[in-house]
Amino acid sequence: MEAFGNVRRGAVVKIDNELFAVMKTEFRNPGNWRAILHLTLKSLRSGAITDRRVRPQDKVEVAFVDTREAQYLYSDGMHHHFMFTDNFEQEAFPEELLGDDVLYLTADSRVQVKMHEGRPIVVELPTSVRHRITETEPGLKGATAQAQYKPAVTETGLKIKVPAFIDVGEIVEIDTRSGEYLGRAAHHG
C-alpha cells in the first residue's frame, strides 16, 4: 500500500478491485482546510475517465507496471502492430488501447508501453511528433508567425491548425498532449 500523495502520473492503482491509470495529480490546499489531492483516473477495463478527490495520506494499492519501449509498425483496422525494441517481438494491441492517439504515430514512431501482468495497459506517446502536411490551402507569401491559422491534414489523417505560411509537403512539429502546432520541424537532408 502506498499513500496517494506519493502516486505519480503514469502509475496504475487498484481501487474497488479495478485498475486505473493515473493521468493527472494535482494538490489543492483550500485556505485553512487540510490538503486534498485531485486525481484524474482512466479505467483500464472500460477506458472511462473519472475524477477523484482523496486525502494525500489515504492508502492505495499500486499495481506493478513494467515499462517497455516499442516501435509502431502499422494498423490493420482492428489492431495496432508494434515491435518491442528490447527483444524485437511483435505484438498487436487492440484499437481501443490507443483510440485517436494512433493518428500521431508514423511508421517507426517510438512509444513507451506500460504493461501489467504481460498486458499492455497504457501507450505513452512522445510529447511531440513530426508530420508531413498532405492537405491545406496554399501558403500565403509574406505571412508572419502572427498570421491566421488554417486547417491542415497530416500524412496520418490527423487534423490540425497551422499558420497561413505552411504549405503542403512541409514537416511540422505537433504537441501530442494538446494537438497544437509547435513549429516547422528542422529539415533532415
N, C-alpha and C. Protein backbone atom coordinates (compact mmCIF):
# COMPACT_ATOMS: atom_id res chain seq x y z
N MET A 1 0.85 -1.20 0.00
CA MET A 1 0.00 0.00 0.00
C MET A 1 0.88 1.24 0.00
N GLU A 2 0.41 2.26 -0.67
CA GLU A 2 1.17 3.49 -0.83
C GLU A 2 0.23 4.66 -0.54
N ALA A 3 0.77 5.74 0.01
CA ALA A 3 -0.03 6.95 0.23
C ALA A 3 -0.32 7.58 -1.13
N PHE A 4 -1.56 8.05 -1.33
CA PHE A 4 -1.92 8.71 -2.59
C PHE A 4 -0.96 9.85 -2.91
N GLY A 5 -0.48 10.54 -1.87
CA GLY A 5 0.42 11.67 -2.08
C GLY A 5 1.72 11.29 -2.77
N ASN A 6 2.09 10.00 -2.74
CA ASN A 6 3.32 9.54 -3.39
C ASN A 6 3.07 8.98 -4.79
N VAL A 7 1.81 8.91 -5.21
CA VAL A 7 1.47 8.32 -6.50
C VAL A 7 1.67 9.36 -7.60
N ARG A 8 2.33 8.97 -8.67
CA ARG A 8 2.65 9.90 -9.77
C ARG A 8 1.87 9.55 -11.04
N ARG A 9 1.85 10.50 -11.97
CA ARG A 9 1.23 10.30 -13.28
C ARG A 9 1.86 9.07 -13.93
N GLY A 10 1.03 8.24 -14.55
CA GLY A 10 1.52 7.03 -15.21
C GLY A 10 1.46 5.79 -14.34
N ALA A 11 1.26 5.98 -13.02
CA ALA A 11 1.15 4.83 -12.13
C ALA A 11 -0.19 4.13 -12.37
N VAL A 12 -0.26 2.88 -11.96
CA VAL A 12 -1.51 2.13 -12.04
C VAL A 12 -1.91 1.76 -10.62
N VAL A 13 -3.14 2.14 -10.24
CA VAL A 13 -3.63 1.88 -8.89
C VAL A 13 -4.86 0.99 -8.94
N LYS A 14 -5.09 0.27 -7.84
CA LYS A 14 -6.25 -0.61 -7.75
C LYS A 14 -7.22 0.01 -6.75
N ILE A 15 -8.42 0.36 -7.22
CA ILE A 15 -9.46 0.94 -6.37
C ILE A 15 -10.73 0.12 -6.59
N ASP A 16 -11.33 -0.35 -5.51
CA ASP A 16 -12.54 -1.19 -5.59
C ASP A 16 -12.35 -2.34 -6.57
N ASN A 17 -11.20 -2.99 -6.50
CA ASN A 17 -10.88 -4.16 -7.32
C ASN A 17 -10.78 -3.86 -8.83
N GLU A 18 -10.61 -2.59 -9.19
CA GLU A 18 -10.46 -2.22 -10.59
C GLU A 18 -9.16 -1.44 -10.77
N LEU A 19 -8.50 -1.66 -11.91
CA LEU A 19 -7.25 -0.97 -12.19
C LEU A 19 -7.50 0.35 -12.91
N PHE A 20 -6.79 1.39 -12.48
CA PHE A 20 -6.88 2.71 -13.10
C PHE A 20 -5.48 3.23 -13.37
N ALA A 21 -5.30 3.85 -14.52
CA ALA A 21 -4.05 4.57 -14.80
C ALA A 21 -4.22 5.98 -14.28
N VAL A 22 -3.22 6.50 -13.59
CA VAL A 22 -3.26 7.86 -13.07
C VAL A 22 -2.83 8.79 -14.21
N MET A 23 -3.76 9.61 -14.69
CA MET A 23 -3.49 10.50 -15.82
C MET A 23 -2.94 11.85 -15.34
N LYS A 24 -3.41 12.30 -14.15
CA LYS A 24 -3.02 13.61 -13.64
C LYS A 24 -3.19 13.63 -12.13
N THR A 25 -2.27 14.31 -11.43
CA THR A 25 -2.41 14.52 -9.99
C THR A 25 -2.24 16.01 -9.72
N GLU A 26 -3.05 16.53 -8.82
CA GLU A 26 -2.97 17.96 -8.50
C GLU A 26 -3.29 18.16 -7.02
N PHE A 27 -2.32 18.73 -6.29
CA PHE A 27 -2.54 19.04 -4.88
C PHE A 27 -3.33 20.33 -4.78
N ARG A 28 -4.30 20.35 -3.87
CA ARG A 28 -5.05 21.59 -3.60
C ARG A 28 -5.09 21.77 -2.10
N ASN A 29 -4.89 23.01 -1.68
CA ASN A 29 -4.91 23.31 -0.25
C ASN A 29 -5.86 24.48 -0.04
N PRO A 30 -7.17 24.20 0.06
CA PRO A 30 -8.16 25.28 0.14
C PRO A 30 -8.13 26.00 1.49
N GLY A 31 -7.54 27.19 1.51
CA GLY A 31 -7.50 28.01 2.72
C GLY A 31 -6.87 27.28 3.88
N ASN A 32 -7.58 27.26 5.02
CA ASN A 32 -7.02 26.61 6.20
C ASN A 32 -7.52 25.16 6.34
N TRP A 33 -8.11 24.62 5.28
CA TRP A 33 -8.55 23.23 5.28
C TRP A 33 -7.36 22.32 5.04
N ARG A 34 -7.56 21.06 5.29
CA ARG A 34 -6.50 20.08 5.02
C ARG A 34 -6.31 19.94 3.51
N ALA A 35 -5.08 19.62 3.12
CA ALA A 35 -4.77 19.44 1.70
C ALA A 35 -5.55 18.26 1.13
N ILE A 36 -5.97 18.42 -0.12
CA ILE A 36 -6.60 17.31 -0.83
C ILE A 36 -5.84 17.09 -2.13
N LEU A 37 -5.96 15.90 -2.65
CA LEU A 37 -5.31 15.54 -3.89
C LEU A 37 -6.39 15.22 -4.90
N HIS A 38 -6.33 15.91 -6.04
CA HIS A 38 -7.31 15.69 -7.11
C HIS A 38 -6.64 14.78 -8.14
N LEU A 39 -7.25 13.62 -8.40
CA LEU A 39 -6.70 12.66 -9.36
C LEU A 39 -7.61 12.54 -10.57
N THR A 40 -7.01 12.45 -11.74
CA THR A 40 -7.74 12.09 -12.95
C THR A 40 -7.31 10.67 -13.28
N LEU A 41 -8.29 9.76 -13.30
CA LEU A 41 -8.01 8.33 -13.47
C LEU A 41 -8.68 7.80 -14.73
N LYS A 42 -8.02 6.84 -15.39
CA LYS A 42 -8.59 6.18 -16.56
C LYS A 42 -8.75 4.70 -16.24
N SER A 43 -9.98 4.22 -16.33
CA SER A 43 -10.24 2.80 -16.08
C SER A 43 -9.56 1.97 -17.16
N LEU A 44 -8.79 0.97 -16.74
CA LEU A 44 -8.12 0.13 -17.72
C LEU A 44 -9.07 -0.91 -18.31
N ARG A 45 -10.23 -1.08 -17.69
CA ARG A 45 -11.22 -2.03 -18.20
C ARG A 45 -12.10 -1.35 -19.25
N SER A 46 -12.65 -0.18 -18.91
CA SER A 46 -13.62 0.47 -19.79
C SER A 46 -13.06 1.66 -20.56
N GLY A 47 -11.93 2.20 -20.09
CA GLY A 47 -11.38 3.39 -20.74
C GLY A 47 -12.01 4.68 -20.24
N ALA A 48 -13.01 4.57 -19.34
CA ALA A 48 -13.70 5.75 -18.83
C ALA A 48 -12.76 6.59 -17.96
N ILE A 49 -12.89 7.90 -18.08
CA ILE A 49 -12.09 8.85 -17.29
C ILE A 49 -12.94 9.30 -16.10
N THR A 50 -12.36 9.24 -14.91
CA THR A 50 -13.07 9.70 -13.71
C THR A 50 -12.15 10.60 -12.90
N ASP A 51 -12.75 11.50 -12.16
CA ASP A 51 -12.00 12.36 -11.24
C ASP A 51 -12.28 11.88 -9.83
N ARG A 52 -11.28 11.99 -8.99
CA ARG A 52 -11.44 11.54 -7.61
C ARG A 52 -10.65 12.47 -6.70
N ARG A 53 -11.26 12.83 -5.57
CA ARG A 53 -10.57 13.63 -4.56
C ARG A 53 -10.25 12.73 -3.38
N VAL A 54 -9.01 12.77 -2.94
CA VAL A 54 -8.58 11.93 -1.82
C VAL A 54 -7.69 12.76 -0.91
N ARG A 55 -7.49 12.26 0.31
CA ARG A 55 -6.50 12.88 1.19
C ARG A 55 -5.14 12.30 0.83
N PRO A 56 -4.10 13.12 0.79
CA PRO A 56 -2.78 12.61 0.39
C PRO A 56 -2.30 11.44 1.24
N GLN A 57 -2.73 11.38 2.51
CA GLN A 57 -2.27 10.31 3.39
C GLN A 57 -3.07 9.01 3.24
N ASP A 58 -4.23 9.06 2.54
CA ASP A 58 -5.01 7.84 2.32
C ASP A 58 -4.17 6.83 1.54
N LYS A 59 -4.40 5.55 1.82
CA LYS A 59 -3.59 4.49 1.20
C LYS A 59 -4.29 3.90 -0.03
N VAL A 60 -3.47 3.47 -0.99
CA VAL A 60 -3.99 2.83 -2.20
C VAL A 60 -3.01 1.73 -2.61
N GLU A 61 -3.54 0.70 -3.24
CA GLU A 61 -2.68 -0.37 -3.75
C GLU A 61 -2.15 0.04 -5.12
N VAL A 62 -0.84 0.03 -5.25
CA VAL A 62 -0.21 0.38 -6.53
C VAL A 62 0.17 -0.92 -7.23
N ALA A 63 -0.32 -1.08 -8.46
CA ALA A 63 -0.03 -2.29 -9.23
C ALA A 63 1.37 -2.20 -9.83
N PHE A 64 2.04 -3.32 -9.93
CA PHE A 64 3.36 -3.33 -10.55
C PHE A 64 3.18 -3.13 -12.05
N VAL A 65 3.91 -2.18 -12.59
CA VAL A 65 3.83 -1.88 -14.01
C VAL A 65 5.24 -1.91 -14.59
N ASP A 66 5.37 -2.59 -15.70
CA ASP A 66 6.63 -2.69 -16.41
C ASP A 66 6.53 -1.75 -17.61
N THR A 67 7.54 -0.93 -17.84
CA THR A 67 7.53 -0.03 -18.99
C THR A 67 8.52 -0.53 -20.02
N ARG A 68 8.04 -0.66 -21.26
CA ARG A 68 8.90 -1.14 -22.35
C ARG A 68 8.76 -0.20 -23.54
N GLU A 69 9.87 -0.01 -24.25
CA GLU A 69 9.82 0.81 -25.46
C GLU A 69 9.38 -0.05 -26.63
N ALA A 70 8.52 0.50 -27.47
CA ALA A 70 8.06 -0.21 -28.66
C ALA A 70 8.07 0.74 -29.85
N GLN A 71 8.18 0.16 -31.02
CA GLN A 71 8.19 0.92 -32.27
C GLN A 71 6.90 0.59 -33.01
N TYR A 72 6.20 1.64 -33.47
CA TYR A 72 4.95 1.45 -34.20
C TYR A 72 5.27 0.93 -35.59
N LEU A 73 4.55 -0.10 -36.02
CA LEU A 73 4.75 -0.68 -37.35
C LEU A 73 3.62 -0.29 -38.30
N TYR A 74 2.38 -0.71 -37.98
CA TYR A 74 1.24 -0.40 -38.84
C TYR A 74 -0.06 -0.73 -38.11
N SER A 75 -1.18 -0.29 -38.70
CA SER A 75 -2.50 -0.62 -38.19
C SER A 75 -3.27 -1.34 -39.28
N ASP A 76 -4.13 -2.27 -38.87
CA ASP A 76 -4.91 -3.01 -39.87
C ASP A 76 -6.41 -2.81 -39.71
N GLY A 77 -6.80 -1.78 -38.96
CA GLY A 77 -8.22 -1.50 -38.78
C GLY A 77 -8.77 -2.06 -37.47
N MET A 78 -8.23 -3.18 -37.00
CA MET A 78 -8.68 -3.75 -35.73
C MET A 78 -7.59 -3.72 -34.68
N HIS A 79 -6.34 -3.76 -35.12
CA HIS A 79 -5.21 -3.78 -34.20
C HIS A 79 -4.12 -2.83 -34.67
N HIS A 80 -3.32 -2.40 -33.70
CA HIS A 80 -2.12 -1.60 -33.99
C HIS A 80 -0.94 -2.51 -33.70
N HIS A 81 -0.05 -2.62 -34.66
CA HIS A 81 1.08 -3.55 -34.54
C HIS A 81 2.34 -2.80 -34.13
N PHE A 82 2.98 -3.30 -33.08
CA PHE A 82 4.20 -2.71 -32.53
C PHE A 82 5.27 -3.78 -32.42
N MET A 83 6.52 -3.33 -32.38
CA MET A 83 7.64 -4.23 -32.11
C MET A 83 8.36 -3.70 -30.88
N PHE A 84 8.54 -4.56 -29.88
CA PHE A 84 9.29 -4.16 -28.70
C PHE A 84 10.76 -4.04 -29.07
N THR A 85 11.39 -2.93 -28.67
CA THR A 85 12.78 -2.69 -29.08
C THR A 85 13.78 -3.51 -28.28
N ASP A 86 13.36 -4.06 -27.13
CA ASP A 86 14.32 -4.83 -26.33
C ASP A 86 14.53 -6.26 -26.84
N ASN A 87 13.49 -6.85 -27.46
CA ASN A 87 13.64 -8.23 -27.93
C ASN A 87 13.11 -8.46 -29.35
N PHE A 88 12.66 -7.38 -30.01
CA PHE A 88 12.18 -7.40 -31.39
C PHE A 88 10.92 -8.25 -31.59
N GLU A 89 10.24 -8.61 -30.49
CA GLU A 89 8.97 -9.34 -30.61
C GLU A 89 7.89 -8.37 -31.05
N GLN A 90 7.00 -8.86 -31.93
CA GLN A 90 5.90 -8.03 -32.39
C GLN A 90 4.64 -8.39 -31.63
N GLU A 91 3.82 -7.36 -31.38
CA GLU A 91 2.56 -7.59 -30.69
C GLU A 91 1.49 -6.69 -31.29
N ALA A 92 0.27 -7.22 -31.38
CA ALA A 92 -0.86 -6.45 -31.88
C ALA A 92 -1.67 -5.96 -30.68
N PHE A 93 -1.85 -4.64 -30.58
CA PHE A 93 -2.63 -4.06 -29.49
C PHE A 93 -4.03 -3.76 -30.01
N PRO A 94 -5.06 -3.97 -29.18
CA PRO A 94 -6.42 -3.65 -29.63
C PRO A 94 -6.55 -2.16 -29.94
N GLU A 95 -7.39 -1.86 -30.92
CA GLU A 95 -7.55 -0.48 -31.38
C GLU A 95 -7.90 0.48 -30.25
N GLU A 96 -8.76 0.04 -29.30
CA GLU A 96 -9.22 0.94 -28.24
C GLU A 96 -8.10 1.34 -27.27
N LEU A 97 -6.99 0.62 -27.27
CA LEU A 97 -5.88 0.98 -26.38
C LEU A 97 -5.32 2.36 -26.74
N LEU A 98 -5.31 2.68 -28.03
CA LEU A 98 -4.78 3.97 -28.48
C LEU A 98 -5.87 4.96 -28.86
N GLY A 99 -7.00 4.48 -29.36
CA GLY A 99 -8.05 5.40 -29.81
C GLY A 99 -7.51 6.32 -30.89
N ASP A 100 -7.88 7.60 -30.82
CA ASP A 100 -7.44 8.58 -31.82
C ASP A 100 -5.96 8.92 -31.71
N ASP A 101 -5.31 8.55 -30.61
CA ASP A 101 -3.87 8.83 -30.47
C ASP A 101 -3.06 8.18 -31.58
N VAL A 102 -3.61 7.14 -32.22
CA VAL A 102 -2.86 6.46 -33.29
C VAL A 102 -2.55 7.44 -34.43
N LEU A 103 -3.35 8.50 -34.57
CA LEU A 103 -3.11 9.48 -35.64
C LEU A 103 -1.80 10.24 -35.44
N TYR A 104 -1.23 10.20 -34.24
CA TYR A 104 0.05 10.85 -34.00
C TYR A 104 1.23 9.96 -34.43
N LEU A 105 0.96 8.68 -34.68
CA LEU A 105 2.04 7.74 -34.95
C LEU A 105 2.30 7.57 -36.44
N THR A 106 3.57 7.61 -36.79
CA THR A 106 4.00 7.28 -38.15
C THR A 106 4.87 6.03 -38.03
N ALA A 107 5.14 5.38 -39.15
CA ALA A 107 5.98 4.18 -39.11
C ALA A 107 7.28 4.54 -38.40
N ASP A 108 7.72 3.69 -37.53
CA ASP A 108 8.95 3.86 -36.75
C ASP A 108 8.80 4.77 -35.54
N SER A 109 7.61 5.32 -35.26
CA SER A 109 7.43 6.11 -34.03
C SER A 109 7.75 5.23 -32.83
N ARG A 110 8.41 5.82 -31.83
CA ARG A 110 8.74 5.10 -30.59
C ARG A 110 7.78 5.55 -29.50
N VAL A 111 7.27 4.58 -28.75
CA VAL A 111 6.35 4.86 -27.65
C VAL A 111 6.80 4.08 -26.42
N GLN A 112 6.30 4.48 -25.26
CA GLN A 112 6.53 3.74 -24.02
C GLN A 112 5.24 2.98 -23.71
N VAL A 113 5.34 1.67 -23.56
CA VAL A 113 4.17 0.84 -23.29
C VAL A 113 4.22 0.38 -21.84
N LYS A 114 3.20 0.75 -21.09
CA LYS A 114 3.10 0.29 -19.70
C LYS A 114 2.36 -1.05 -19.72
N MET A 115 3.00 -2.05 -19.12
CA MET A 115 2.46 -3.41 -19.12
C MET A 115 2.09 -3.82 -17.69
N HIS A 116 0.97 -4.51 -17.54
CA HIS A 116 0.57 -5.06 -16.24
C HIS A 116 0.24 -6.53 -16.47
N GLU A 117 0.97 -7.40 -15.78
CA GLU A 117 0.78 -8.85 -15.91
C GLU A 117 0.83 -9.27 -17.38
N GLY A 118 1.80 -8.69 -18.13
CA GLY A 118 2.00 -9.07 -19.52
C GLY A 118 1.05 -8.45 -20.52
N ARG A 119 0.10 -7.63 -20.03
CA ARG A 119 -0.87 -6.99 -20.93
C ARG A 119 -0.54 -5.51 -21.08
N PRO A 120 -0.61 -4.97 -22.32
CA PRO A 120 -0.41 -3.53 -22.47
C PRO A 120 -1.62 -2.79 -21.91
N ILE A 121 -1.37 -1.78 -21.08
CA ILE A 121 -2.49 -1.06 -20.46
C ILE A 121 -2.50 0.42 -20.83
N VAL A 122 -1.32 0.98 -21.07
CA VAL A 122 -1.23 2.40 -21.43
C VAL A 122 -0.10 2.53 -22.45
N VAL A 123 -0.38 3.28 -23.53
CA VAL A 123 0.67 3.60 -24.51
C VAL A 123 0.95 5.09 -24.37
N GLU A 124 2.17 5.41 -23.95
CA GLU A 124 2.56 6.82 -23.79
C GLU A 124 3.26 7.29 -25.06
N LEU A 125 2.71 8.33 -25.65
CA LEU A 125 3.29 8.91 -26.86
C LEU A 125 4.46 9.81 -26.48
N PRO A 126 5.36 10.07 -27.44
CA PRO A 126 6.35 11.12 -27.19
C PRO A 126 5.59 12.44 -27.03
N THR A 127 6.18 13.44 -26.37
CA THR A 127 5.44 14.70 -26.15
C THR A 127 5.22 15.47 -27.44
N SER A 128 6.08 15.25 -28.44
CA SER A 128 5.84 15.89 -29.74
C SER A 128 6.24 14.94 -30.85
N VAL A 129 5.61 15.13 -32.01
CA VAL A 129 5.89 14.31 -33.19
C VAL A 129 6.05 15.22 -34.40
N ARG A 130 6.70 14.68 -35.44
CA ARG A 130 6.87 15.42 -36.70
C ARG A 130 6.05 14.74 -37.78
N HIS A 131 5.22 15.54 -38.45
CA HIS A 131 4.37 15.01 -39.52
C HIS A 131 4.50 15.89 -40.76
N ARG A 132 4.34 15.25 -41.92
CA ARG A 132 4.29 15.97 -43.19
C ARG A 132 2.85 16.41 -43.43
N ILE A 133 2.69 17.66 -43.86
CA ILE A 133 1.36 18.18 -44.21
C ILE A 133 0.99 17.66 -45.59
N THR A 134 -0.19 17.03 -45.71
CA THR A 134 -0.62 16.49 -47.00
C THR A 134 -1.78 17.27 -47.61
N GLU A 135 -2.52 18.02 -46.79
CA GLU A 135 -3.62 18.84 -47.30
C GLU A 135 -3.70 20.14 -46.53
N THR A 136 -3.76 21.24 -47.27
CA THR A 136 -4.04 22.55 -46.68
C THR A 136 -4.18 23.54 -47.82
N GLU A 137 -4.74 24.71 -47.54
CA GLU A 137 -4.83 25.75 -48.56
C GLU A 137 -3.41 26.22 -48.88
N PRO A 138 -3.20 26.77 -50.08
CA PRO A 138 -1.84 27.26 -50.41
C PRO A 138 -1.36 28.27 -49.38
N GLY A 139 -0.05 28.25 -49.12
CA GLY A 139 0.55 29.17 -48.16
C GLY A 139 0.51 30.60 -48.68
N LEU A 140 0.41 31.54 -47.77
CA LEU A 140 0.40 32.95 -48.15
C LEU A 140 1.80 33.50 -48.05
N LYS A 141 2.30 34.08 -49.13
CA LYS A 141 3.64 34.68 -49.12
C LYS A 141 3.62 35.89 -48.19
N GLY A 142 4.69 36.02 -47.42
CA GLY A 142 4.80 37.18 -46.53
C GLY A 142 4.00 37.04 -45.26
N ALA A 143 3.33 35.91 -45.07
CA ALA A 143 2.57 35.72 -43.83
C ALA A 143 3.57 35.60 -42.68
N THR A 144 3.21 36.14 -41.54
CA THR A 144 4.11 36.10 -40.39
C THR A 144 3.62 35.07 -39.38
N ALA A 145 4.40 34.87 -38.35
CA ALA A 145 4.01 33.92 -37.30
C ALA A 145 2.74 34.37 -36.59
N GLN A 146 2.40 35.67 -36.70
CA GLN A 146 1.19 36.18 -36.05
C GLN A 146 -0.05 35.99 -36.92
N ALA A 147 0.14 35.39 -38.09
CA ALA A 147 -0.95 35.26 -39.06
C ALA A 147 -2.06 34.33 -38.56
N GLN A 148 -3.13 34.33 -39.31
CA GLN A 148 -4.26 33.45 -39.03
C GLN A 148 -3.85 31.98 -39.17
N TYR A 149 -4.54 31.14 -38.44
CA TYR A 149 -4.33 29.69 -38.58
C TYR A 149 -5.35 29.14 -39.56
N LYS A 150 -4.99 28.06 -40.25
CA LYS A 150 -5.88 27.43 -41.22
C LYS A 150 -5.86 25.92 -40.96
N PRO A 151 -6.92 25.22 -41.39
CA PRO A 151 -6.95 23.77 -41.18
C PRO A 151 -5.94 23.07 -42.09
N ALA A 152 -5.41 21.95 -41.59
CA ALA A 152 -4.49 21.14 -42.38
C ALA A 152 -4.67 19.68 -41.97
N VAL A 153 -4.23 18.79 -42.85
CA VAL A 153 -4.28 17.35 -42.58
C VAL A 153 -2.87 16.81 -42.77
N THR A 154 -2.44 15.93 -41.84
CA THR A 154 -1.10 15.36 -41.94
C THR A 154 -1.15 14.00 -42.64
N GLU A 155 0.02 13.43 -42.83
CA GLU A 155 0.17 12.14 -43.52
C GLU A 155 -0.63 11.00 -42.89
N THR A 156 -0.99 11.13 -41.61
CA THR A 156 -1.73 10.05 -40.94
C THR A 156 -3.23 10.32 -40.91
N GLY A 157 -3.65 11.49 -41.41
CA GLY A 157 -5.06 11.86 -41.35
C GLY A 157 -5.39 12.75 -40.16
N LEU A 158 -4.37 13.09 -39.35
CA LEU A 158 -4.57 13.97 -38.20
C LEU A 158 -4.93 15.36 -38.69
N LYS A 159 -6.01 15.93 -38.12
CA LYS A 159 -6.43 17.29 -38.49
C LYS A 159 -5.89 18.26 -37.45
N ILE A 160 -5.17 19.27 -37.93
CA ILE A 160 -4.60 20.28 -37.03
C ILE A 160 -4.79 21.66 -37.64
N LYS A 161 -4.46 22.68 -36.87
CA LYS A 161 -4.46 24.06 -37.37
C LYS A 161 -3.00 24.49 -37.51
N VAL A 162 -2.68 25.09 -38.65
CA VAL A 162 -1.31 25.55 -38.89
C VAL A 162 -1.35 27.01 -39.32
N PRO A 163 -0.24 27.74 -39.14
CA PRO A 163 -0.19 29.13 -39.61
C PRO A 163 -0.36 29.20 -41.13
N ALA A 164 -0.81 30.35 -41.62
CA ALA A 164 -1.11 30.53 -43.04
C ALA A 164 0.09 30.30 -43.95
N PHE A 165 1.33 30.44 -43.44
CA PHE A 165 2.51 30.30 -44.31
C PHE A 165 2.93 28.85 -44.55
N ILE A 166 2.30 27.89 -43.90
CA ILE A 166 2.67 26.47 -44.06
C ILE A 166 2.06 25.92 -45.34
N ASP A 167 2.86 25.17 -46.11
CA ASP A 167 2.43 24.58 -47.38
C ASP A 167 2.38 23.06 -47.30
N VAL A 168 1.68 22.46 -48.26
CA VAL A 168 1.68 21.00 -48.41
C VAL A 168 3.12 20.54 -48.60
N GLY A 169 3.47 19.43 -47.97
CA GLY A 169 4.82 18.88 -48.10
C GLY A 169 5.75 19.29 -46.98
N GLU A 170 5.40 20.34 -46.24
CA GLU A 170 6.27 20.77 -45.13
C GLU A 170 6.09 19.83 -43.95
N ILE A 171 7.16 19.71 -43.16
CA ILE A 171 7.13 18.88 -41.96
C ILE A 171 7.00 19.80 -40.76
N VAL A 172 5.99 19.52 -39.94
CA VAL A 172 5.72 20.36 -38.77
C VAL A 172 5.81 19.51 -37.50
N GLU A 173 6.05 20.20 -36.39
CA GLU A 173 6.10 19.54 -35.09
C GLU A 173 4.76 19.79 -34.38
N ILE A 174 4.22 18.73 -33.76
CA ILE A 174 2.90 18.79 -33.14
C ILE A 174 3.00 18.28 -31.70
N ASP A 175 2.35 18.99 -30.77
CA ASP A 175 2.29 18.57 -29.37
C ASP A 175 1.23 17.46 -29.25
N THR A 176 1.62 16.28 -28.78
CA THR A 176 0.67 15.16 -28.71
C THR A 176 -0.32 15.31 -27.56
N ARG A 177 -0.04 16.18 -26.59
CA ARG A 177 -0.96 16.35 -25.46
C ARG A 177 -2.11 17.27 -25.83
N SER A 178 -1.83 18.29 -26.66
CA SER A 178 -2.86 19.28 -27.00
C SER A 178 -3.28 19.23 -28.46
N GLY A 179 -2.48 18.59 -29.31
CA GLY A 179 -2.77 18.58 -30.74
C GLY A 179 -2.39 19.87 -31.43
N GLU A 180 -1.64 20.73 -30.74
CA GLU A 180 -1.30 22.04 -31.31
C GLU A 180 -0.02 22.01 -32.12
N TYR A 181 0.00 22.86 -33.15
CA TYR A 181 1.18 23.09 -33.97
C TYR A 181 2.25 23.75 -33.10
N LEU A 182 3.47 23.22 -33.13
CA LEU A 182 4.57 23.80 -32.35
C LEU A 182 5.54 24.60 -33.22
N GLY A 183 5.62 24.25 -34.50
CA GLY A 183 6.55 24.95 -35.38
C GLY A 183 6.96 24.06 -36.54
N ARG A 184 7.73 24.65 -37.44
CA ARG A 184 8.30 23.86 -38.53
C ARG A 184 9.37 22.96 -37.95
N ALA A 185 9.44 21.75 -38.44
CA ALA A 185 10.49 20.83 -38.00
C ALA A 185 11.76 21.13 -38.78
N ALA A 186 12.90 20.96 -38.13
CA ALA A 186 14.18 21.15 -38.82
C ALA A 186 14.26 20.12 -39.94
N HIS A 187 14.79 20.54 -41.08
CA HIS A 187 14.90 19.63 -42.23
C HIS A 187 15.97 18.59 -42.00
N HIS A 188 15.69 17.38 -42.41
CA HIS A 188 16.66 16.28 -42.30
C HIS A 188 17.09 15.87 -43.69
N GLY A 189 18.05 16.57 -44.28
CA GLY A 189 18.63 16.21 -45.57
C GLY A 189 17.66 15.71 -46.51
